[in-house]
Amino acid sequence: MPSSKLGPFYLAPDVMPAHALTFFYAAFIGITLYNYINFIQPYILTEHLQIPEDQQGAITGNLVFLSELMLLFACGVARLLVDTVDRRAVFAIGFLILGAGFAIYGHVESE
């Protein structure tokens, strides 16, 4: 099967332009939501959790550190799963976990 094109780019065989556009859309939404959490975090810490501003730096640092650890772990697990399970399932499960995290973020009651 000849490879398809998406604008000036040639896609791998069996990859249709709709697949690439869906991936780009999902990546755009995921990155946008991840950055939104960083943007809204001071508001959540101040207004919802009533954490004084002088303590927010340490909490934010701990959250970033834990986020990076989870990212390293999740990438390793996802790599193992992609080799054994269907990529679509791994991608869908990843977005479900991401959505669940965003859904419960605003309902945190303590640090």
Protein backbone atom coordinates (compact mmCIF):
# COMPACT_ATOMS: atom_id res chain seq x y z
CA MET A 1 0.00 0.00 0.00
CA PRO A 2 1.50 3.37 -0.95
CA SER A 3 2.01 5.88 1.85
CA SER A 4 -0.42 8.76 2.27
CA LYS A 5 0.36 12.44 2.56
CA LEU A 6 -0.70 15.03 5.11
CA GLY A 7 0.24 18.37 3.63
CA PRO A 8 3.93 18.20 2.75
CA PHE A 9 4.54 15.16 4.99
CA TYR A 10 4.52 11.54 3.88
CA LEU A 11 2.92 9.19 6.39
CA ALA A 12 3.99 5.67 7.18
CA PRO A 13 2.23 2.88 5.29
CA ASP A 14 -1.21 2.05 6.72
CA VAL A 15 -1.43 5.47 8.42
CA MET A 16 -4.22 7.56 7.01
CA PRO A 17 -4.39 11.37 7.28
CA ALA A 18 -7.38 10.98 9.63
CA HIS A 19 -5.20 8.96 12.01
CA ALA A 20 -2.52 11.65 12.05
CA LEU A 21 -5.07 14.44 12.55
CA THR A 22 -6.69 12.54 15.42
CA PHE A 23 -3.30 12.07 17.06
CA PHE A 24 -2.46 15.77 16.63
CA TYR A 25 -5.82 16.77 18.12
CA ALA A 26 -5.40 14.45 21.12
CA ALA A 27 -1.85 15.70 21.72
CA PHE A 28 -3.02 19.31 21.50
CA ILE A 29 -5.81 18.74 24.02
CA GLY A 30 -3.57 16.76 26.40
CA ILE A 31 -0.78 19.34 26.39
CA THR A 32 -3.27 22.20 26.73
CA LEU A 33 -4.93 20.61 29.76
CA TYR A 34 -1.58 19.80 31.36
CA ASN A 35 -0.49 23.43 31.02
CA TYR A 36 -3.86 24.63 32.30
CA ILE A 37 -3.31 22.75 35.54
CA ASN A 38 0.00 24.59 36.03
CA PHE A 39 -1.76 27.89 35.31
CA ILE A 40 -4.69 27.28 37.69
CA GLN A 41 -2.67 25.68 40.52
CA PRO A 42 -2.05 28.89 42.53
CA TYR A 43 -5.79 29.59 42.50
CA ILE A 44 -6.59 26.06 43.70
CA LEU A 45 -3.97 26.26 46.46
CA THR A 46 -5.10 29.71 47.62
CA GLU A 47 -8.87 29.70 47.23
CA HIS A 48 -9.87 26.05 47.62
CA LEU A 49 -7.21 24.72 49.98
CA GLN A 50 -6.48 27.99 51.86
CA ILE A 51 -2.74 27.39 51.79
CA PRO A 52 -0.70 30.51 52.66
CA GLU A 53 1.37 31.88 49.79
CA ASP A 54 4.66 31.38 51.68
CA GLN A 55 4.03 27.60 51.73
CA GLN A 56 2.90 27.25 48.13
CA GLY A 57 6.44 27.14 46.70
CA ALA A 58 7.37 23.99 48.62
CA ILE A 59 4.07 22.33 47.77
CA THR A 60 4.40 23.23 44.10
CA GLY A 61 7.96 21.88 44.04
CA ASN A 62 6.84 18.61 45.60
CA LEU A 63 3.98 18.31 43.10
CA VAL A 64 6.33 18.88 40.16
CA PHE A 65 8.81 16.33 41.52
CA LEU A 66 6.08 13.72 42.03
CA SER A 67 4.63 14.50 38.62
CA GLU A 68 7.99 13.84 36.97
CA LEU A 69 8.41 10.56 38.86
CA MET A 70 4.95 9.44 37.78
CA LEU A 71 5.71 10.45 34.20
CA LEU A 72 8.89 8.36 34.15
CA PHE A 73 7.04 5.38 35.61
CA ALA A 74 4.05 5.78 33.29
CA CYS A 75 6.26 6.03 30.20
CA GLY A 76 7.99 2.77 31.12
CA VAL A 77 4.71 0.99 31.75
CA ALA A 78 3.18 2.39 28.55
CA ARG A 79 6.20 1.23 26.54
CA LEU A 80 5.83 -2.30 27.92
CA LEU A 81 2.08 -2.32 27.27
CA VAL A 82 2.41 -1.01 23.70
CA ASP A 83 4.64 -3.97 22.89
CA THR A 84 2.13 -6.48 24.27
CA VAL A 85 -1.29 -4.81 23.98
CA ASP A 86 -2.94 -2.79 21.22
CA ARG A 87 -1.67 0.80 20.96
CA ARG A 88 -5.19 2.16 20.73
CA ALA A 89 -6.07 0.61 24.07
CA VAL A 90 -2.97 2.05 25.73
CA PHE A 91 -3.69 5.49 24.25
CA ALA A 92 -7.34 5.35 25.35
CA ILE A 93 -6.47 4.19 28.87
CA GLY A 94 -3.91 6.99 29.15
CA PHE A 95 -6.49 9.60 28.23
CA LEU A 96 -9.02 8.10 30.64
CA ILE A 97 -6.48 8.36 33.46
CA LEU A 98 -5.66 11.92 32.41
CA GLY A 99 -9.35 12.82 32.38
CA ALA A 100 -9.93 11.24 35.79
CA GLY A 101 -7.03 13.23 37.22
CA PHE A 102 -8.43 16.48 35.83
CA ALA A 103 -11.91 15.61 37.10
CA ILE A 104 -10.80 15.08 40.70
CA TYR A 105 -8.23 17.91 40.80
CA GLY A 106 -10.76 20.55 41.77
CA HIS A 107 -12.27 18.40 44.52
CA VAL A 108 -9.14 18.10 46.65
CA GLU A 109 -9.87 19.01 50.27
CA SER A 110 -6.42 18.94 51.85
CA GLU A 111 -2.77 19.11 50.90
